[in-house]
Amino acid sequence: MELKEIQNLIKFVAKSGASEVKLEMGDVKITIRTGKSDDNGEKTIIQQVPAMPVAAQQQAIPAAASEAPAAPETTEKVAPTEEESNLVVVKSPIIGTFYRKPSPDKPVFIEVGDTISEGDVLCVIEAMKLFNEIESEVSGKIVKVLVDDASPVEFDQPLFLVDPS
């Protein structure tokens, strides 16, 4: 996004009366907050950060106690044991909402025990109203689905365990 576009966006937000606008495009995240300062002038804050660092976001939100324990549990369950050391972990390439079905009235893409080939669609992840098909990069057998349907997922979060043998 170019500086002129950002300036136009700031002007638009100021005129609209909105108190906060968040915009995410690719790896750029912009938050514009307007409000009244002590001298009754308008205060605008622009924050532009890469959207990728998930670890920093998780550390910044310890107040959400209900969600904070969920991420470590998932990570602990995925830690390979002796019998799981040969399994391949399929991870989320993007942040979004995980869906096992292409639409609510259709069957799931894959079930535990299904044999998959490289390029098979495993699930979809919705990000910013776009449904991204996640394809398998390995061939094998689905051992475990690690995420519930319609759950939010983070970048690089484990989704499936696949036995490549």
N, C-alpha and C. Protein backbone atom coordinates (compact mmCIF):
# COMPACT_ATOMS: atom_id res chain seq x y z
N MET A 1 0.85 -1.17 0.00
CA MET A 1 0.00 0.00 0.00
C MET A 1 0.90 1.23 0.00
N GLU A 2 0.59 2.17 -0.85
CA GLU A 2 1.40 3.37 -0.98
C GLU A 2 0.97 4.43 0.04
N LEU A 3 1.88 5.37 0.30
CA LEU A 3 1.64 6.42 1.28
C LEU A 3 0.39 7.24 0.94
N LYS A 4 0.21 7.55 -0.33
CA LYS A 4 -0.95 8.35 -0.75
C LYS A 4 -2.26 7.62 -0.43
N GLU A 5 -2.29 6.29 -0.63
CA GLU A 5 -3.47 5.51 -0.31
C GLU A 5 -3.75 5.52 1.19
N ILE A 6 -2.69 5.45 1.99
CA ILE A 6 -2.85 5.48 3.44
C ILE A 6 -3.38 6.84 3.88
N GLN A 7 -2.85 7.92 3.29
CA GLN A 7 -3.31 9.26 3.63
C GLN A 7 -4.78 9.44 3.27
N ASN A 8 -5.19 8.94 2.11
CA ASN A 8 -6.61 9.01 1.71
C ASN A 8 -7.48 8.21 2.67
N LEU A 9 -6.99 7.07 3.11
CA LEU A 9 -7.73 6.24 4.05
C LEU A 9 -7.90 6.98 5.38
N ILE A 10 -6.85 7.65 5.85
CA ILE A 10 -6.93 8.42 7.10
C ILE A 10 -7.98 9.52 6.97
N LYS A 11 -7.96 10.24 5.86
CA LYS A 11 -8.94 11.31 5.64
C LYS A 11 -10.36 10.75 5.63
N PHE A 12 -10.55 9.64 4.96
CA PHE A 12 -11.86 9.02 4.88
C PHE A 12 -12.36 8.61 6.26
N VAL A 13 -11.48 7.98 7.06
CA VAL A 13 -11.86 7.54 8.40
C VAL A 13 -12.21 8.74 9.27
N ALA A 14 -11.41 9.81 9.17
CA ALA A 14 -11.68 11.01 9.96
C ALA A 14 -13.04 11.61 9.61
N LYS A 15 -13.37 11.65 8.33
CA LYS A 15 -14.65 12.23 7.90
C LYS A 15 -15.83 11.32 8.25
N SER A 16 -15.60 10.02 8.28
CA SER A 16 -16.71 9.08 8.51
C SER A 16 -17.18 9.07 9.95
N GLY A 17 -16.32 9.49 10.87
CA GLY A 17 -16.70 9.48 12.29
C GLY A 17 -16.43 8.15 12.96
N ALA A 18 -15.86 7.19 12.25
CA ALA A 18 -15.53 5.90 12.85
C ALA A 18 -14.40 6.09 13.85
N SER A 19 -14.44 5.33 14.93
CA SER A 19 -13.39 5.48 15.95
C SER A 19 -12.20 4.58 15.66
N GLU A 20 -12.39 3.50 14.91
CA GLU A 20 -11.28 2.59 14.62
C GLU A 20 -11.55 1.82 13.34
N VAL A 21 -10.51 1.67 12.52
CA VAL A 21 -10.60 0.89 11.30
C VAL A 21 -9.37 0.00 11.23
N LYS A 22 -9.57 -1.28 10.97
CA LYS A 22 -8.46 -2.22 10.82
C LYS A 22 -8.48 -2.74 9.39
N LEU A 23 -7.29 -2.82 8.78
CA LEU A 23 -7.17 -3.27 7.40
C LEU A 23 -5.99 -4.22 7.32
N GLU A 24 -6.20 -5.41 6.75
CA GLU A 24 -5.13 -6.37 6.55
C GLU A 24 -5.05 -6.71 5.08
N MET A 25 -3.87 -6.53 4.50
CA MET A 25 -3.65 -6.86 3.10
C MET A 25 -2.32 -7.59 3.00
N GLY A 26 -2.38 -8.88 2.71
CA GLY A 26 -1.14 -9.65 2.61
C GLY A 26 -0.45 -9.68 3.94
N ASP A 27 0.81 -9.24 3.98
CA ASP A 27 1.57 -9.27 5.22
C ASP A 27 1.58 -7.92 5.93
N VAL A 28 0.72 -6.99 5.52
CA VAL A 28 0.66 -5.66 6.13
C VAL A 28 -0.66 -5.52 6.87
N LYS A 29 -0.57 -5.03 8.11
CA LYS A 29 -1.75 -4.81 8.93
C LYS A 29 -1.75 -3.35 9.35
N ILE A 30 -2.83 -2.64 9.07
CA ILE A 30 -2.92 -1.22 9.41
C ILE A 30 -4.13 -1.02 10.33
N THR A 31 -3.91 -0.32 11.44
CA THR A 31 -4.99 0.05 12.34
C THR A 31 -5.01 1.56 12.46
N ILE A 32 -6.15 2.17 12.21
CA ILE A 32 -6.30 3.62 12.32
C ILE A 32 -7.33 3.87 13.41
N ARG A 33 -6.91 4.59 14.45
CA ARG A 33 -7.80 4.93 15.55
C ARG A 33 -7.92 6.45 15.61
N THR A 34 -9.14 6.93 15.69
CA THR A 34 -9.34 8.36 15.85
C THR A 34 -10.09 8.59 17.15
N GLY A 35 -9.85 9.72 17.77
CA GLY A 35 -10.52 10.05 19.02
C GLY A 35 -10.16 11.47 19.40
N LYS A 36 -10.79 11.95 20.39
CA LYS A 36 -10.53 13.32 20.83
C LYS A 36 -9.42 13.29 21.88
N SER A 37 -8.43 14.17 21.71
CA SER A 37 -7.39 14.31 22.71
C SER A 37 -7.80 15.41 23.69
N ASP A 38 -6.95 15.72 24.67
CA ASP A 38 -7.30 16.69 25.70
C ASP A 38 -7.56 18.09 25.14
N ASP A 39 -6.90 18.46 24.04
CA ASP A 39 -7.09 19.79 23.49
C ASP A 39 -8.21 19.82 22.44
N ASN A 40 -9.07 18.83 22.43
CA ASN A 40 -10.20 18.72 21.51
C ASN A 40 -9.79 18.67 20.05
N GLY A 41 -8.52 18.40 19.78
CA GLY A 41 -8.08 18.16 18.42
C GLY A 41 -8.28 16.70 18.09
N GLU A 42 -8.11 16.34 16.86
CA GLU A 42 -8.30 14.96 16.49
C GLU A 42 -6.98 14.22 16.56
N LYS A 43 -6.99 13.02 17.09
CA LYS A 43 -5.78 12.23 17.25
C LYS A 43 -5.92 11.00 16.36
N THR A 44 -4.93 10.76 15.53
CA THR A 44 -4.94 9.61 14.65
C THR A 44 -3.68 8.79 14.91
N ILE A 45 -3.87 7.50 15.10
CA ILE A 45 -2.74 6.60 15.33
C ILE A 45 -2.71 5.60 14.19
N ILE A 46 -1.56 5.46 13.57
CA ILE A 46 -1.40 4.49 12.49
C ILE A 46 -0.37 3.47 12.94
N GLN A 47 -0.74 2.21 12.81
CA GLN A 47 0.17 1.14 13.21
C GLN A 47 0.29 0.21 12.01
N GLN A 48 1.50 -0.01 11.56
CA GLN A 48 1.72 -0.88 10.41
C GLN A 48 2.74 -1.93 10.82
N VAL A 49 2.27 -3.19 10.93
CA VAL A 49 3.14 -4.29 11.35
C VAL A 49 2.90 -5.49 10.47
N PRO A 50 3.91 -6.35 10.32
CA PRO A 50 3.69 -7.59 9.57
C PRO A 50 2.71 -8.48 10.32
N ALA A 51 1.84 -9.17 9.61
CA ALA A 51 0.82 -10.01 10.23
C ALA A 51 1.34 -11.40 10.57
N MET A 52 2.55 -11.76 10.19
CA MET A 52 3.05 -13.11 10.35
C MET A 52 3.43 -13.52 11.78
N PRO A 53 4.11 -12.71 12.61
CA PRO A 53 4.61 -13.21 13.89
C PRO A 53 3.49 -13.59 14.84
N VAL A 54 3.12 -14.85 14.87
CA VAL A 54 2.05 -15.35 15.70
C VAL A 54 2.47 -15.39 17.16
N ALA A 55 3.71 -15.73 17.44
CA ALA A 55 4.19 -15.84 18.81
C ALA A 55 4.06 -14.49 19.52
N ALA A 56 4.36 -13.41 18.86
CA ALA A 56 4.26 -12.09 19.47
C ALA A 56 2.80 -11.76 19.75
N GLN A 57 1.89 -12.15 18.87
CA GLN A 57 0.47 -11.89 19.09
C GLN A 57 -0.03 -12.69 20.28
N GLN A 58 0.40 -13.92 20.43
CA GLN A 58 -0.05 -14.75 21.54
C GLN A 58 0.46 -14.20 22.86
N GLN A 59 1.68 -13.65 22.90
CA GLN A 59 2.21 -13.08 24.12
C GLN A 59 1.49 -11.79 24.46
N ALA A 60 1.02 -11.06 23.47
CA ALA A 60 0.35 -9.79 23.70
C ALA A 60 -1.07 -9.96 24.20
N ILE A 61 -1.62 -11.17 24.17
CA ILE A 61 -3.00 -11.39 24.55
C ILE A 61 -3.11 -12.40 25.70
N PRO A 62 -2.36 -12.22 26.81
CA PRO A 62 -2.51 -13.17 27.90
C PRO A 62 -3.81 -12.98 28.67
N ALA A 63 -4.50 -11.85 28.48
CA ALA A 63 -5.73 -11.58 29.20
C ALA A 63 -6.86 -12.51 28.77
N ALA A 64 -6.79 -13.02 27.55
CA ALA A 64 -7.82 -13.95 27.07
C ALA A 64 -7.53 -15.32 27.63
N ALA A 65 -7.86 -15.53 28.88
CA ALA A 65 -7.52 -16.76 29.59
C ALA A 65 -8.21 -17.98 28.99
N SER A 66 -9.37 -17.78 28.39
CA SER A 66 -10.09 -18.93 27.84
C SER A 66 -9.40 -19.50 26.62
N GLU A 67 -8.72 -18.68 25.82
CA GLU A 67 -8.07 -19.18 24.63
C GLU A 67 -6.59 -19.49 24.85
N ALA A 68 -5.96 -18.84 25.78
CA ALA A 68 -4.52 -19.01 25.99
C ALA A 68 -4.14 -20.46 26.28
N PRO A 69 -4.87 -21.21 27.13
CA PRO A 69 -4.47 -22.59 27.38
C PRO A 69 -4.68 -23.51 26.19
N ALA A 70 -5.56 -23.16 25.26
CA ALA A 70 -5.86 -24.04 24.13
C ALA A 70 -4.64 -24.25 23.24
N ALA A 71 -3.88 -23.21 22.95
CA ALA A 71 -2.73 -23.34 22.07
C ALA A 71 -1.64 -24.25 22.65
N PRO A 72 -1.24 -24.10 23.93
CA PRO A 72 -0.22 -25.00 24.46
C PRO A 72 -0.68 -26.46 24.48
N GLU A 73 -1.96 -26.72 24.78
CA GLU A 73 -2.45 -28.09 24.78
C GLU A 73 -2.28 -28.73 23.41
N THR A 74 -2.63 -28.00 22.36
CA THR A 74 -2.50 -28.52 21.00
C THR A 74 -1.04 -28.83 20.70
N THR A 75 -0.15 -27.93 21.09
CA THR A 75 1.27 -28.13 20.84
C THR A 75 1.78 -29.35 21.58
N GLU A 76 1.35 -29.52 22.84
CA GLU A 76 1.80 -30.66 23.62
C GLU A 76 1.31 -31.98 23.01
N LYS A 77 0.08 -32.01 22.53
CA LYS A 77 -0.47 -33.23 21.94
C LYS A 77 0.26 -33.61 20.65
N VAL A 78 0.79 -32.61 19.95
CA VAL A 78 1.44 -32.84 18.67
C VAL A 78 2.89 -33.28 18.85
N ALA A 79 3.47 -33.05 20.02
CA ALA A 79 4.86 -33.44 20.25
C ALA A 79 4.99 -34.93 19.95
N PRO A 80 5.89 -35.30 19.03
CA PRO A 80 5.96 -36.69 18.60
C PRO A 80 6.43 -37.63 19.70
N THR A 81 5.69 -38.73 19.88
CA THR A 81 6.12 -39.79 20.78
C THR A 81 6.86 -40.81 19.93
N GLU A 82 7.28 -41.90 20.56
CA GLU A 82 8.03 -42.91 19.80
C GLU A 82 7.20 -43.48 18.65
N GLU A 83 5.91 -43.72 18.90
CA GLU A 83 5.08 -44.31 17.85
C GLU A 83 4.63 -43.27 16.82
N GLU A 84 4.70 -41.97 17.14
CA GLU A 84 4.29 -40.93 16.20
C GLU A 84 5.47 -40.26 15.51
N SER A 85 6.68 -40.71 15.77
CA SER A 85 7.86 -40.03 15.21
C SER A 85 7.93 -40.14 13.69
N ASN A 86 7.31 -41.15 13.11
CA ASN A 86 7.34 -41.30 11.66
C ASN A 86 6.20 -40.57 10.96
N LEU A 87 5.32 -39.90 11.73
CA LEU A 87 4.17 -39.21 11.14
C LEU A 87 4.56 -37.83 10.63
N VAL A 88 3.87 -37.40 9.57
CA VAL A 88 4.08 -36.08 9.00
C VAL A 88 2.95 -35.18 9.52
N VAL A 89 3.32 -33.98 9.99
CA VAL A 89 2.34 -33.04 10.49
C VAL A 89 2.01 -32.05 9.36
N VAL A 90 0.73 -31.97 8.99
CA VAL A 90 0.27 -30.99 8.00
C VAL A 90 -0.13 -29.75 8.79
N LYS A 91 0.51 -28.61 8.47
CA LYS A 91 0.29 -27.38 9.22
C LYS A 91 -0.46 -26.36 8.38
N SER A 92 -1.10 -25.43 9.07
CA SER A 92 -1.85 -24.37 8.40
C SER A 92 -0.89 -23.36 7.77
N PRO A 93 -1.06 -23.07 6.48
CA PRO A 93 -0.20 -22.08 5.83
C PRO A 93 -0.67 -20.63 6.06
N ILE A 94 -1.87 -20.47 6.63
CA ILE A 94 -2.43 -19.13 6.83
C ILE A 94 -3.23 -19.08 8.12
N ILE A 95 -3.57 -17.86 8.53
CA ILE A 95 -4.46 -17.62 9.67
C ILE A 95 -5.88 -17.57 9.13
N GLY A 96 -6.82 -18.19 9.82
CA GLY A 96 -8.20 -18.14 9.36
C GLY A 96 -9.09 -19.10 10.13
N THR A 97 -10.20 -19.47 9.53
CA THR A 97 -11.14 -20.41 10.13
C THR A 97 -11.09 -21.72 9.36
N PHE A 98 -10.87 -22.82 10.08
CA PHE A 98 -10.70 -24.15 9.52
C PHE A 98 -12.06 -24.80 9.28
N TYR A 99 -12.24 -25.33 8.07
CA TYR A 99 -13.47 -26.08 7.75
C TYR A 99 -13.09 -27.40 7.11
N ARG A 100 -13.73 -28.48 7.57
CA ARG A 100 -13.48 -29.82 7.02
C ARG A 100 -14.31 -30.09 5.77
N LYS A 101 -15.36 -29.28 5.52
CA LYS A 101 -16.27 -29.49 4.39
C LYS A 101 -16.18 -28.31 3.42
N PRO A 102 -16.44 -28.55 2.13
CA PRO A 102 -16.47 -27.44 1.17
C PRO A 102 -17.68 -26.52 1.39
N SER A 103 -18.77 -27.05 1.93
CA SER A 103 -19.94 -26.27 2.30
C SER A 103 -20.73 -27.07 3.34
N PRO A 104 -21.63 -26.43 4.07
CA PRO A 104 -22.33 -27.13 5.16
C PRO A 104 -23.12 -28.36 4.74
N ASP A 105 -23.61 -28.40 3.51
CA ASP A 105 -24.42 -29.53 3.06
C ASP A 105 -23.61 -30.62 2.36
N LYS A 106 -22.30 -30.48 2.30
CA LYS A 106 -21.43 -31.46 1.63
C LYS A 106 -20.71 -32.33 2.66
N PRO A 107 -20.24 -33.50 2.26
CA PRO A 107 -19.46 -34.35 3.19
C PRO A 107 -18.05 -33.77 3.40
N VAL A 108 -17.40 -34.24 4.47
CA VAL A 108 -16.05 -33.77 4.78
C VAL A 108 -15.08 -34.21 3.68
N PHE A 109 -13.98 -33.44 3.52
CA PHE A 109 -12.99 -33.78 2.50
C PHE A 109 -12.34 -35.13 2.81
N ILE A 110 -11.89 -35.31 4.07
CA ILE A 110 -11.21 -36.54 4.45
C ILE A 110 -11.60 -36.95 5.86
N GLU A 111 -11.52 -38.24 6.12
CA GLU A 111 -11.79 -38.80 7.45
C GLU A 111 -10.52 -39.48 7.95
N VAL A 112 -10.46 -39.75 9.25
CA VAL A 112 -9.35 -40.52 9.80
C VAL A 112 -9.39 -41.90 9.17
N GLY A 113 -8.24 -42.36 8.70
CA GLY A 113 -8.15 -43.66 8.03
C GLY A 113 -8.15 -43.56 6.51
N ASP A 114 -8.53 -42.42 5.96
CA ASP A 114 -8.53 -42.24 4.51
C ASP A 114 -7.11 -42.20 3.97
N THR A 115 -6.92 -42.73 2.77
CA THR A 115 -5.64 -42.64 2.09
C THR A 115 -5.67 -41.42 1.18
N ILE A 116 -4.62 -40.62 1.28
CA ILE A 116 -4.55 -39.39 0.49
C ILE A 116 -3.34 -39.43 -0.42
N SER A 117 -3.40 -38.65 -1.48
CA SER A 117 -2.28 -38.50 -2.41
C SER A 117 -1.84 -37.05 -2.40
N GLU A 118 -0.65 -36.81 -2.88
CA GLU A 118 -0.15 -35.45 -2.97
C GLU A 118 -1.08 -34.64 -3.87
N GLY A 119 -1.49 -33.47 -3.41
CA GLY A 119 -2.39 -32.62 -4.18
C GLY A 119 -3.86 -32.75 -3.81
N ASP A 120 -4.22 -33.77 -3.00
CA ASP A 120 -5.61 -33.92 -2.55
C ASP A 120 -5.98 -32.77 -1.61
N VAL A 121 -7.22 -32.28 -1.71
CA VAL A 121 -7.69 -31.22 -0.83
C VAL A 121 -8.04 -31.85 0.53
N LEU A 122 -7.46 -31.29 1.60
CA LEU A 122 -7.68 -31.81 2.95
C LEU A 122 -8.75 -31.02 3.69
N CYS A 123 -8.80 -29.70 3.44
CA CYS A 123 -9.73 -28.83 4.14
C CYS A 123 -9.74 -27.48 3.44
N VAL A 124 -10.54 -26.55 3.95
CA VAL A 124 -10.48 -25.16 3.49
C VAL A 124 -10.27 -24.29 4.71
N ILE A 125 -9.56 -23.18 4.49
CA ILE A 125 -9.37 -22.18 5.55
C ILE A 125 -9.88 -20.86 5.01
N GLU A 126 -10.85 -20.29 5.72
CA GLU A 126 -11.41 -19.01 5.32
C GLU A 126 -10.57 -17.90 5.93
N ALA A 127 -10.13 -17.00 5.08
CA ALA A 127 -9.39 -15.82 5.52
C ALA A 127 -9.92 -14.62 4.75
N MET A 128 -10.48 -13.67 5.46
CA MET A 128 -11.00 -12.45 4.85
C MET A 128 -12.02 -12.76 3.75
N LYS A 129 -12.97 -13.62 4.04
CA LYS A 129 -14.06 -14.00 3.14
C LYS A 129 -13.62 -14.80 1.91
N LEU A 130 -12.36 -15.25 1.90
CA LEU A 130 -11.87 -16.10 0.82
C LEU A 130 -11.64 -17.50 1.37
N PHE A 131 -12.13 -18.51 0.66
CA PHE A 131 -11.96 -19.89 1.08
C PHE A 131 -10.79 -20.49 0.32
N ASN A 132 -9.72 -20.82 1.07
CA ASN A 132 -8.48 -21.34 0.49
C ASN A 132 -8.43 -22.84 0.69
N GLU A 133 -8.36 -23.58 -0.42
CA GLU A 133 -8.24 -25.04 -0.32
C GLU A 133 -6.82 -25.39 0.10
N ILE A 134 -6.71 -26.23 1.11
CA ILE A 134 -5.40 -26.67 1.60
C ILE A 134 -5.18 -28.07 1.04
N GLU A 135 -4.14 -28.18 0.21
CA GLU A 135 -3.83 -29.45 -0.45
C GLU A 135 -2.71 -30.17 0.28
N SER A 136 -2.72 -31.48 0.19
CA SER A 136 -1.70 -32.30 0.81
C SER A 136 -0.39 -32.21 0.04
N GLU A 137 0.70 -32.11 0.78
CA GLU A 137 2.03 -32.12 0.17
C GLU A 137 2.67 -33.50 0.27
N VAL A 138 1.97 -34.44 0.91
CA VAL A 138 2.48 -35.80 1.07
C VAL A 138 1.38 -36.80 0.74
N SER A 139 1.80 -38.01 0.43
CA SER A 139 0.85 -39.12 0.25
C SER A 139 0.91 -39.97 1.51
N GLY A 140 -0.22 -40.57 1.86
CA GLY A 140 -0.23 -41.43 3.03
C GLY A 140 -1.64 -41.64 3.55
N LYS A 141 -1.72 -41.95 4.85
CA LYS A 141 -2.98 -42.26 5.49
C LYS A 141 -3.22 -41.26 6.63
N ILE A 142 -4.42 -40.70 6.70
CA ILE A 142 -4.76 -39.75 7.76
C ILE A 142 -4.87 -40.52 9.08
N VAL A 143 -4.05 -40.11 10.06
CA VAL A 143 -4.03 -40.76 11.37
C VAL A 143 -4.90 -39.99 12.36
N LYS A 144 -4.84 -38.65 12.28
CA LYS A 144 -5.58 -37.85 13.26
C LYS A 144 -5.89 -36.47 12.69
N VAL A 145 -7.09 -35.97 13.00
CA VAL A 145 -7.47 -34.59 12.70
C VAL A 145 -7.29 -33.82 14.00
N LEU A 146 -6.44 -32.79 14.00
CA LEU A 146 -6.07 -32.10 15.23
C LEU A 146 -6.90 -30.86 15.54
N VAL A 147 -7.79 -30.45 14.60
CA VAL A 147 -8.56 -29.22 14.78
C VAL A 147 -10.04 -29.53 14.57
N ASP A 148 -10.88 -28.92 15.39
CA ASP A 148 -12.33 -29.07 15.23
C ASP A 148 -12.83 -28.23 14.07
N ASP A 149 -13.92 -28.68 13.45
CA ASP A 149 -14.51 -27.95 12.34
C ASP A 149 -14.97 -26.57 12.81
N ALA A 150 -14.79 -25.56 11.95
CA ALA A 150 -15.19 -24.17 12.19
C ALA A 150 -14.42 -23.53 13.34
N SER A 151 -13.19 -23.99 13.57
CA SER A 151 -12.33 -23.42 14.62
C SER A 151 -11.33 -22.45 14.00
N PRO A 152 -10.96 -21.41 14.74
CA PRO A 152 -9.90 -20.52 14.24
C PRO A 152 -8.55 -21.22 14.31
N VAL A 153 -7.71 -21.00 13.31
CA VAL A 153 -6.36 -21.57 13.31
C VAL A 153 -5.35 -20.45 13.08
N GLU A 154 -4.15 -20.67 13.59
CA GLU A 154 -3.05 -19.74 13.45
C GLU A 154 -2.12 -20.22 12.34
N PHE A 155 -1.24 -19.36 11.90
CA PHE A 155 -0.22 -19.73 10.94
C PHE A 155 0.67 -20.80 11.55
N ASP A 156 0.95 -21.86 10.80
CA ASP A 156 1.84 -22.95 11.20
C ASP A 156 1.26 -23.84 12.30
N GLN A 157 -0.06 -23.76 12.55
CA GLN A 157 -0.69 -24.62 13.54
C GLN A 157 -0.92 -26.00 12.93
N PRO A 158 -0.58 -27.07 13.65
CA PRO A 158 -0.81 -28.43 13.13
C PRO A 158 -2.30 -28.70 12.91
N LEU A 159 -2.61 -29.29 11.74
CA LEU A 159 -3.99 -29.60 11.39
C LEU A 159 -4.26 -31.11 11.35
N PHE A 160 -3.33 -31.84 10.74
CA PHE A 160 -3.51 -33.28 10.54
C PHE A 160 -2.20 -34.01 10.83
N LEU A 161 -2.34 -35.29 11.21
CA LEU A 161 -1.19 -36.20 11.29
C LEU A 161 -1.37 -37.21 10.16
N VAL A 162 -0.31 -37.41 9.36
CA VAL A 162 -0.36 -38.30 8.21
C VAL A 162 0.75 -39.33 8.35
N ASP A 163 0.39 -40.60 8.12
CA ASP A 163 1.38 -41.68 8.11
C ASP A 163 1.80 -41.87 6.64
N PRO A 164 3.03 -41.49 6.29
CA PRO A 164 3.44 -41.56 4.89
C PRO A 164 3.78 -42.97 4.40
N SER A 165 3.82 -43.95 5.29
CA SER A 165 4.21 -45.30 4.86
C SER A 165 3.11 -46.06 4.16
